[in-house]
């Protein structure tokens, strides 16, 4: 489990940096709505991250279980980013960093609960 969590963290960290950068550009520089920008950025990176996790053997090939788990977490992340920008006074980049850091762990445990995370005995 530690090996899978380490790879999950490494891949997730790369996508985290990309998401923060893209949301900073979209919200803070281009003035897009925080809800729209974060939904587009997080959703847009979704499939690429799935295939990175799959290629690294972190998850089992189960796109629909992965999608269901991530849909809920993505919607909560998007709502949190929007709330932090609109009512918390944080920038788009800072809001994305805070929300995605918290929901990173939530996402891992939800994926593990749904048996999407590859167990050590499976590879």
C-alpha atoms as a PDB file:
ATOM      1  CA  UNK A   1       0.000   0.000   0.000  1.00  0.00           C
ATOM      2  CA  UNK A   2       2.888   2.368   0.763  1.00  0.00           C
ATOM      3  CA  UNK A   3       4.346   1.936  -2.742  1.00  0.00           C
ATOM      4  CA  UNK A   4       0.959   2.693  -4.332  1.00  0.00           C
ATOM      5  CA  UNK A   5       0.417   5.684  -2.057  1.00  0.00           C
ATOM      6  CA  UNK A   6       3.886   6.994  -2.935  1.00  0.00           C
ATOM      7  CA  UNK A   7       3.195   6.727  -6.683  1.00  0.00           C
ATOM      8  CA  UNK A   8      -0.303   8.156  -6.170  1.00  0.00           C
ATOM      9  CA  UNK A   9       1.335  11.093  -4.367  1.00  0.00           C
ATOM     10  CA  UNK A  10       4.027  11.597  -7.014  1.00  0.00           C
ATOM     11  CA  UNK A  11       1.582  11.586  -9.924  1.00  0.00           C
ATOM     12  CA  UNK A  12      -1.014  13.544  -7.988  1.00  0.00           C
ATOM     13  CA  UNK A  13       1.633  16.102  -7.034  1.00  0.00           C
ATOM     14  CA  UNK A  14       2.456  16.751 -10.677  1.00  0.00           C
ATOM     15  CA  UNK A  15      -1.193  17.252 -11.524  1.00  0.00           C
ATOM     16  CA  UNK A  16      -1.608  19.391  -8.396  1.00  0.00           C
ATOM     17  CA  UNK A  17       1.087  21.795  -9.616  1.00  0.00           C
ATOM     18  CA  UNK A  18      -0.494  21.864 -13.068  1.00  0.00           C
ATOM     19  CA  UNK A  19      -3.979  22.529 -11.636  1.00  0.00           C
ATOM     20  CA  UNK A  20      -2.756  25.331  -9.367  1.00  0.00           C
ATOM     21  CA  UNK A  21      -0.898  26.942 -12.262  1.00  0.00           C
ATOM     22  CA  UNK A  22      -3.826  26.694 -14.664  1.00  0.00           C
ATOM     23  CA  UNK A  23      -6.326  27.998 -12.099  1.00  0.00           C
ATOM     24  CA  UNK A  24      -4.006  30.866 -11.198  1.00  0.00           C
ATOM     25  CA  UNK A  25      -3.845  31.780 -14.878  1.00  0.00           C
ATOM     26  CA  UNK A  26      -7.589  31.380 -15.476  1.00  0.00           C
ATOM     27  CA  UNK A  27      -8.925  33.019 -12.291  1.00  0.00           C
ATOM     28  CA  UNK A  28      -6.289  35.520 -11.204  1.00  0.00           C
ATOM     29  CA  UNK A  29      -4.817  36.570 -14.543  1.00  0.00           C
ATOM     30  CA  UNK A  30      -7.664  36.107 -17.022  1.00  0.00           C
ATOM     31  CA  UNK A  31     -10.499  36.914 -14.593  1.00  0.00           C
ATOM     32  CA  UNK A  32     -12.605  33.798 -15.225  1.00  0.00           C
ATOM     33  CA  UNK A  33     -15.308  32.745 -12.794  1.00  0.00           C
ATOM     34  CA  UNK A  34     -13.721  30.573 -10.064  1.00  0.00           C
ATOM     35  CA  UNK A  35     -16.424  27.910 -10.408  1.00  0.00           C
ATOM     36  CA  UNK A  36     -16.097  27.649 -14.177  1.00  0.00           C
ATOM     37  CA  UNK A  37     -12.305  27.786 -14.188  1.00  0.00           C
ATOM     38  CA  UNK A  38     -11.823  25.173 -11.484  1.00  0.00           C
ATOM     39  CA  UNK A  39     -14.410  22.853 -13.026  1.00  0.00           C
ATOM     40  CA  UNK A  40     -12.734  23.093 -16.454  1.00  0.00           C
ATOM     41  CA  UNK A  41      -9.212  22.679 -15.092  1.00  0.00           C
ATOM     42  CA  UNK A  42      -9.941  19.789 -12.717  1.00  0.00           C
ATOM     43  CA  UNK A  43     -12.178  17.995 -15.197  1.00  0.00           C
ATOM     44  CA  UNK A  44      -9.765  18.583 -18.054  1.00  0.00           C
ATOM     45  CA  UNK A  45      -6.908  16.924 -16.171  1.00  0.00           C
ATOM     46  CA  UNK A  46      -9.097  14.000 -15.113  1.00  0.00           C
ATOM     47  CA  UNK A  47      -8.533  11.579 -18.004  1.00  0.00           C
ATOM     48  CA  UNK A  48      -4.806  12.298 -18.239  1.00  0.00           C
ATOM     49  CA  UNK A  49      -4.400  11.562 -14.539  1.00  0.00           C
ATOM     50  CA  UNK A  50      -6.397   8.313 -14.873  1.00  0.00           C
ATOM     51  CA  UNK A  51      -4.049   7.059 -17.582  1.00  0.00           C
ATOM     52  CA  UNK A  52      -0.952   8.118 -15.636  1.00  0.00           C
ATOM     53  CA  UNK A  53      -2.177   6.164 -12.595  1.00  0.00           C
ATOM     54  CA  UNK A  54      -3.014   3.205 -14.833  1.00  0.00           C
ATOM     55  CA  UNK A  55       0.371   3.222 -16.583  1.00  0.00           C
ATOM     56  CA  UNK A  56       2.133   3.382 -13.213  1.00  0.00           C
ATOM     57  CA  UNK A  57       0.050   0.397 -11.993  1.00  0.00           C
ATOM     58  CA  UNK A  58      -1.364   2.419  -9.109  1.00  0.00           C
ATOM     59  CA  UNK A  59      -4.967   1.587  -9.994  1.00  0.00           C
ATOM     60  CA  UNK A  60      -6.791  -1.315 -11.582  1.00  0.00           C
ATOM     61  CA  UNK A  61      -8.409  -0.694 -14.982  1.00  0.00           C
ATOM     62  CA  UNK A  62     -11.848   0.357 -13.788  1.00  0.00           C
ATOM     63  CA  UNK A  63     -12.672   3.652 -15.462  1.00  0.00           C
ATOM     64  CA  UNK A  64     -16.262   3.771 -14.214  1.00  0.00           C
ATOM     65  CA  UNK A  65     -15.429   3.208 -10.535  1.00  0.00           C
ATOM     66  CA  UNK A  66     -12.618   5.736 -10.878  1.00  0.00           C
ATOM     67  CA  UNK A  67     -15.040   8.181 -12.491  1.00  0.00           C
ATOM     68  CA  UNK A  68     -17.760   7.789  -9.850  1.00  0.00           C
ATOM     69  CA  UNK A  69     -15.294   8.325  -7.004  1.00  0.00           C
ATOM     70  CA  UNK A  70     -13.667  11.292  -8.691  1.00  0.00           C
ATOM     71  CA  UNK A  71     -16.927  12.918  -9.745  1.00  0.00           C
ATOM     72  CA  UNK A  72     -17.988  13.421  -6.148  1.00  0.00           C
ATOM     73  CA  UNK A  73     -14.540  14.608  -5.069  1.00  0.00           C
ATOM     74  CA  UNK A  74     -14.215  16.908  -8.106  1.00  0.00           C
ATOM     75  CA  UNK A  75     -17.577  18.547  -7.427  1.00  0.00           C
ATOM     76  CA  UNK A  76     -16.658  19.084  -3.768  1.00  0.00           C
ATOM     77  CA  UNK A  77     -13.240  20.467  -4.782  1.00  0.00           C
ATOM     78  CA  UNK A  78     -14.832  22.849  -7.280  1.00  0.00           C
ATOM     79  CA  UNK A  79     -17.367  24.065  -4.727  1.00  0.00           C
ATOM     80  CA  UNK A  80     -14.629  24.561  -2.137  1.00  0.00           C
ATOM     81  CA  UNK A  81     -12.450  26.561  -4.559  1.00  0.00           C
ATOM     82  CA  UNK A  82     -15.396  28.754  -5.505  1.00  0.00           C
ATOM     83  CA  UNK A  83     -16.306  29.357  -1.834  1.00  0.00           C
ATOM     84  CA  UNK A  84     -12.712  30.160  -0.874  1.00  0.00           C
ATOM     85  CA  UNK A  85     -12.362  32.688  -3.708  1.00  0.00           C
ATOM     86  CA  UNK A  86     -15.804  34.296  -3.366  1.00  0.00           C
ATOM     87  CA  UNK A  87     -16.207  34.320   0.403  1.00  0.00           C
ATOM     88  CA  UNK A  88     -12.800  33.472   1.826  1.00  0.00           C
ATOM     89  CA  UNK A  89     -10.932  36.195  -0.017  1.00  0.00           C
ATOM     90  CA  UNK A  90      -8.240  33.811  -1.266  1.00  0.00           C
ATOM     91  CA  UNK A  91      -6.720  33.933  -4.741  1.00  0.00           C
ATOM     92  CA  UNK A  92      -7.531  31.278  -7.314  1.00  0.00           C
ATOM     93  CA  UNK A  93      -4.131  29.665  -6.917  1.00  0.00           C
ATOM     94  CA  UNK A  94      -4.260  29.640  -3.118  1.00  0.00           C
ATOM     95  CA  UNK A  95      -7.828  28.299  -3.097  1.00  0.00           C
ATOM     96  CA  UNK A  96      -6.889  25.533  -5.498  1.00  0.00           C
ATOM     97  CA  UNK A  97      -3.887  24.593  -3.380  1.00  0.00           C
ATOM     98  CA  UNK A  98      -5.920  24.440  -0.172  1.00  0.00           C
ATOM     99  CA  UNK A  99      -8.840  22.506  -1.670  1.00  0.00           C
ATOM    100  CA  UNK A 100      -6.788  20.006  -3.648  1.00  0.00           C
ATOM    101  CA  UNK A 101      -4.443  19.327  -0.723  1.00  0.00           C
ATOM    102  CA  UNK A 102      -7.370  18.356   1.481  1.00  0.00           C
ATOM    103  CA  UNK A 103      -9.283  16.411  -1.154  1.00  0.00           C
ATOM    104  CA  UNK A 104      -6.150  14.534  -2.257  1.00  0.00           C
ATOM    105  CA  UNK A 105      -6.331  12.318   0.827  1.00  0.00           C
ATOM    106  CA  UNK A 106     -10.106  12.019   0.581  1.00  0.00           C
ATOM    107  CA  UNK A 107      -9.763  10.894  -3.050  1.00  0.00           C
ATOM    108  CA  UNK A 108      -7.164   8.236  -2.180  1.00  0.00           C
ATOM    109  CA  UNK A 109      -9.261   6.702   0.585  1.00  0.00           C
ATOM    110  CA  UNK A 110     -12.444   6.750  -1.521  1.00  0.00           C
ATOM    111  CA  UNK A 111     -10.606   5.041  -4.401  1.00  0.00           C
ATOM    112  CA  UNK A 112      -9.150   2.502  -1.996  1.00  0.00           C
ATOM    113  CA  UNK A 113     -12.587   1.854  -0.467  1.00  0.00           C
ATOM    114  CA  UNK A 114     -14.033   1.247  -3.956  1.00  0.00           C
ATOM    115  CA  UNK A 115     -11.171  -1.175  -4.756  1.00  0.00           C
ATOM    116  CA  UNK A 116      -9.737   1.013  -7.494  1.00  0.00           C
ATOM    117  CA  UNK A 117      -6.309   1.298  -5.845  1.00  0.00           C
ATOM    118  CA  UNK A 118      -4.246  -1.737  -6.834  1.00  0.00           C
ATOM    119  CA  UNK A 119      -3.532  -4.014  -3.889  1.00  0.00           C
ATOM    120  CA  UNK A 120       0.073  -5.167  -3.415  1.00  0.00           C
ATOM    121  CA  UNK A 121      -0.788  -8.790  -4.211  1.00  0.00           C
ATOM    122  CA  UNK A 122      -2.160  -7.712  -7.612  1.00  0.00           C
ATOM    123  CA  UNK A 123       1.042  -6.130  -8.793  1.00  0.00           C
END
